[in-house]
N, C-alpha and C. Protein backbone atom coordinates (compact mmCIF):
# COMPACT_ATOMS: atom_id res chain seq x y z
N MET A 1 -4.26 9.45 16.16
CA MET A 1 -3.00 8.75 16.39
C MET A 1 -1.98 9.79 16.85
N ASP A 2 -1.31 9.44 17.95
CA ASP A 2 -0.30 10.38 18.44
C ASP A 2 0.99 10.26 17.63
N LYS A 3 1.88 11.19 17.88
CA LYS A 3 3.11 11.29 17.09
C LYS A 3 3.97 10.03 17.22
N ASP A 4 4.11 9.50 18.44
CA ASP A 4 4.94 8.31 18.65
C ASP A 4 4.41 7.11 17.87
N LYS A 5 3.09 6.93 17.89
CA LYS A 5 2.49 5.83 17.14
C LYS A 5 2.67 6.03 15.64
N PHE A 6 2.57 7.26 15.19
CA PHE A 6 2.75 7.57 13.78
C PHE A 6 4.17 7.25 13.32
N VAL A 7 5.15 7.66 14.13
CA VAL A 7 6.54 7.38 13.81
C VAL A 7 6.79 5.88 13.81
N LYS A 8 6.26 5.16 14.79
CA LYS A 8 6.41 3.71 14.86
C LYS A 8 5.75 3.04 13.65
N ALA A 9 4.59 3.54 13.23
CA ALA A 9 3.89 2.99 12.06
C ALA A 9 4.73 3.16 10.80
N ILE A 10 5.36 4.31 10.65
CA ILE A 10 6.23 4.54 9.48
C ILE A 10 7.41 3.59 9.51
N GLU A 11 8.03 3.42 10.68
CA GLU A 11 9.17 2.51 10.81
C GLU A 11 8.77 1.08 10.47
N LEU A 12 7.63 0.64 11.00
CA LEU A 12 7.15 -0.71 10.73
C LEU A 12 6.84 -0.89 9.25
N ASN A 13 6.21 0.10 8.65
CA ASN A 13 5.87 0.02 7.23
C ASN A 13 7.13 -0.08 6.38
N ASN A 14 8.15 0.69 6.71
CA ASN A 14 9.42 0.61 5.98
C ASN A 14 10.07 -0.76 6.13
N GLU A 15 10.01 -1.31 7.34
CA GLU A 15 10.59 -2.62 7.59
C GLU A 15 9.83 -3.71 6.82
N ILE A 16 8.51 -3.61 6.80
CA ILE A 16 7.68 -4.56 6.05
C ILE A 16 8.03 -4.50 4.57
N GLU A 17 8.13 -3.30 4.02
CA GLU A 17 8.48 -3.14 2.61
C GLU A 17 9.86 -3.72 2.31
N GLU A 18 10.81 -3.53 3.21
CA GLU A 18 12.16 -4.05 3.02
C GLU A 18 12.14 -5.59 2.97
N PHE A 19 11.42 -6.22 3.90
CA PHE A 19 11.35 -7.68 3.91
C PHE A 19 10.57 -8.21 2.70
N GLU A 20 9.51 -7.53 2.28
CA GLU A 20 8.76 -7.97 1.11
C GLU A 20 9.60 -7.85 -0.16
N THR A 21 10.39 -6.80 -0.26
CA THR A 21 11.30 -6.64 -1.40
C THR A 21 12.34 -7.75 -1.41
N HIS A 22 12.86 -8.06 -0.24
CA HIS A 22 13.84 -9.14 -0.10
C HIS A 22 13.21 -10.48 -0.53
N LYS A 23 11.98 -10.72 -0.12
CA LYS A 23 11.28 -11.95 -0.48
C LYS A 23 11.10 -12.05 -2.00
N LYS A 24 10.67 -10.96 -2.62
CA LYS A 24 10.48 -10.96 -4.08
C LYS A 24 11.80 -11.22 -4.80
N ALA A 25 12.87 -10.61 -4.31
CA ALA A 25 14.18 -10.82 -4.93
C ALA A 25 14.61 -12.28 -4.82
N LEU A 26 14.38 -12.90 -3.67
CA LEU A 26 14.72 -14.31 -3.50
C LEU A 26 13.89 -15.20 -4.42
N GLU A 27 12.60 -14.90 -4.52
CA GLU A 27 11.72 -15.72 -5.35
C GLU A 27 12.11 -15.64 -6.82
N SER A 28 12.60 -14.52 -7.25
CA SER A 28 12.96 -14.37 -8.66
C SER A 28 14.41 -14.75 -8.95
N SER A 29 15.17 -15.11 -7.93
CA SER A 29 16.60 -15.37 -8.11
C SER A 29 16.94 -16.80 -8.48
N ASN A 30 16.00 -17.71 -8.38
CA ASN A 30 16.23 -19.14 -8.62
C ASN A 30 17.19 -19.76 -7.61
N ILE A 31 17.39 -19.14 -6.46
CA ILE A 31 18.28 -19.71 -5.44
C ILE A 31 17.73 -21.03 -4.92
N GLN A 32 16.42 -21.23 -5.03
CA GLN A 32 15.85 -22.48 -4.55
C GLN A 32 16.39 -23.69 -5.31
N TYR A 33 17.01 -23.47 -6.45
CA TYR A 33 17.59 -24.56 -7.24
C TYR A 33 19.07 -24.77 -6.94
N GLY A 34 19.58 -24.05 -5.98
CA GLY A 34 21.00 -24.14 -5.62
C GLY A 34 21.65 -22.79 -5.79
N GLY A 35 22.80 -22.65 -5.24
CA GLY A 35 23.47 -21.36 -5.39
C GLY A 35 24.55 -21.18 -4.37
N GLY A 36 24.89 -19.97 -4.13
CA GLY A 36 25.95 -19.66 -3.19
C GLY A 36 25.75 -18.30 -2.60
N LEU A 37 26.70 -17.92 -1.79
CA LEU A 37 26.66 -16.60 -1.17
C LEU A 37 27.76 -15.75 -1.76
N ILE A 38 27.50 -14.47 -1.89
CA ILE A 38 28.53 -13.53 -2.32
C ILE A 38 28.72 -12.53 -1.18
N PHE A 39 29.91 -12.57 -0.61
CA PHE A 39 30.24 -11.64 0.46
C PHE A 39 30.90 -10.41 -0.13
N THR A 40 30.50 -9.25 0.34
CA THR A 40 31.08 -8.00 -0.13
C THR A 40 31.70 -7.29 1.07
N TYR A 41 32.96 -6.93 0.92
CA TYR A 41 33.66 -6.21 1.97
C TYR A 41 34.61 -5.23 1.31
N ASN A 42 34.41 -3.95 1.56
CA ASN A 42 35.26 -2.91 0.97
C ASN A 42 35.41 -3.07 -0.54
N SER A 43 34.30 -3.25 -1.22
CA SER A 43 34.24 -3.39 -2.67
C SER A 43 34.92 -4.66 -3.20
N MET A 44 35.27 -5.57 -2.34
CA MET A 44 35.83 -6.86 -2.75
C MET A 44 34.72 -7.91 -2.65
N HIS A 45 34.62 -8.78 -3.65
CA HIS A 45 33.60 -9.81 -3.66
C HIS A 45 34.24 -11.18 -3.54
N ASN A 46 33.59 -12.05 -2.78
CA ASN A 46 34.09 -13.40 -2.61
C ASN A 46 32.89 -14.35 -2.73
N ASP A 47 32.88 -15.18 -3.74
CA ASP A 47 31.81 -16.15 -3.95
C ASP A 47 32.09 -17.39 -3.12
N VAL A 48 31.06 -17.84 -2.40
CA VAL A 48 31.19 -19.03 -1.57
C VAL A 48 30.05 -19.98 -1.91
N PRO A 49 30.36 -21.14 -2.51
CA PRO A 49 29.30 -22.09 -2.81
C PRO A 49 28.76 -22.72 -1.53
N LEU A 50 27.46 -22.96 -1.48
CA LEU A 50 26.85 -23.60 -0.33
C LEU A 50 26.86 -25.11 -0.50
N LYS A 51 27.11 -25.82 0.57
CA LYS A 51 27.13 -27.28 0.55
C LYS A 51 25.78 -27.80 1.05
N LYS A 52 25.09 -28.54 0.21
CA LYS A 52 23.77 -29.05 0.56
C LYS A 52 23.84 -29.95 1.79
N GLU A 53 24.96 -30.66 1.98
CA GLU A 53 25.12 -31.53 3.14
C GLU A 53 25.12 -30.74 4.45
N ILE A 54 25.50 -29.47 4.38
CA ILE A 54 25.59 -28.64 5.58
C ILE A 54 24.27 -27.92 5.86
N PHE A 55 23.75 -27.22 4.86
CA PHE A 55 22.56 -26.40 5.11
C PHE A 55 21.27 -27.17 4.94
N GLY A 56 21.30 -28.37 4.40
CA GLY A 56 20.12 -29.21 4.29
C GLY A 56 19.28 -28.91 3.06
N ALA A 57 18.48 -29.87 2.71
CA ALA A 57 17.65 -29.77 1.51
C ALA A 57 16.54 -28.74 1.67
N ASP A 58 16.13 -28.49 2.91
CA ASP A 58 15.00 -27.58 3.15
C ASP A 58 15.43 -26.18 3.57
N PHE A 59 16.69 -25.84 3.37
CA PHE A 59 17.19 -24.54 3.80
C PHE A 59 16.37 -23.39 3.22
N PHE A 60 16.19 -23.39 1.90
CA PHE A 60 15.47 -22.30 1.25
C PHE A 60 14.02 -22.26 1.72
N LYS A 61 13.39 -23.41 1.80
CA LYS A 61 11.99 -23.50 2.25
C LYS A 61 11.85 -22.96 3.67
N ASN A 62 12.77 -23.35 4.56
CA ASN A 62 12.74 -22.88 5.94
C ASN A 62 13.01 -21.38 6.03
N TYR A 63 13.95 -20.89 5.22
CA TYR A 63 14.26 -19.46 5.21
C TYR A 63 13.05 -18.65 4.76
N MET A 64 12.38 -19.13 3.70
CA MET A 64 11.21 -18.42 3.20
C MET A 64 10.06 -18.47 4.21
N ALA A 65 9.90 -19.58 4.92
CA ALA A 65 8.87 -19.68 5.95
C ALA A 65 9.16 -18.70 7.08
N ALA A 66 10.42 -18.60 7.49
CA ALA A 66 10.80 -17.65 8.53
C ALA A 66 10.59 -16.21 8.07
N LEU A 67 10.87 -15.95 6.80
CA LEU A 67 10.68 -14.63 6.23
C LEU A 67 9.19 -14.27 6.21
N ASP A 68 8.35 -15.22 5.79
CA ASP A 68 6.89 -15.00 5.81
C ASP A 68 6.40 -14.73 7.22
N ASN A 69 6.92 -15.48 8.19
CA ASN A 69 6.53 -15.31 9.58
C ASN A 69 6.91 -13.91 10.08
N LYS A 70 8.10 -13.46 9.72
CA LYS A 70 8.56 -12.13 10.13
C LYS A 70 7.66 -11.04 9.54
N ILE A 71 7.32 -11.17 8.26
CA ILE A 71 6.45 -10.20 7.59
C ILE A 71 5.08 -10.16 8.26
N GLU A 72 4.52 -11.33 8.54
CA GLU A 72 3.20 -11.39 9.18
C GLU A 72 3.23 -10.81 10.58
N THR A 73 4.30 -11.05 11.33
CA THR A 73 4.44 -10.49 12.67
C THR A 73 4.49 -8.97 12.61
N LEU A 74 5.26 -8.43 11.67
CA LEU A 74 5.35 -6.98 11.53
C LEU A 74 4.01 -6.37 11.10
N LYS A 75 3.31 -7.05 10.19
CA LYS A 75 2.00 -6.55 9.76
C LYS A 75 1.00 -6.55 10.91
N LYS A 76 1.04 -7.59 11.74
CA LYS A 76 0.14 -7.66 12.90
C LYS A 76 0.46 -6.52 13.86
N GLU A 77 1.75 -6.28 14.12
CA GLU A 77 2.16 -5.19 14.99
C GLU A 77 1.71 -3.85 14.43
N PHE A 78 1.82 -3.70 13.09
CA PHE A 78 1.39 -2.47 12.42
C PHE A 78 -0.11 -2.26 12.61
N GLU A 79 -0.90 -3.32 12.42
CA GLU A 79 -2.35 -3.22 12.52
C GLU A 79 -2.81 -2.92 13.95
N GLU A 80 -2.02 -3.34 14.94
CA GLU A 80 -2.38 -3.10 16.33
C GLU A 80 -2.14 -1.66 16.78
N LEU A 81 -1.41 -0.89 15.97
CA LEU A 81 -1.15 0.51 16.35
C LEU A 81 -2.37 1.36 16.27
């Protein structure tokens, strides 16, 4: 494996780990039962409740499916190196 492929493999592996960690955090957070967003800006926090009428009943399911798709795409790219 040449140096460029090695560097790309490390970058992909780090990105995969980041998304997998994000997925585990979401799964353990109980957000699928409802929740909100917390925005952080310059150490200030602002809680914003989500409206089910806006984001839909399948928001979490769709987000997790997109996250799984992203992880699988990155893993495939990693394996092709």
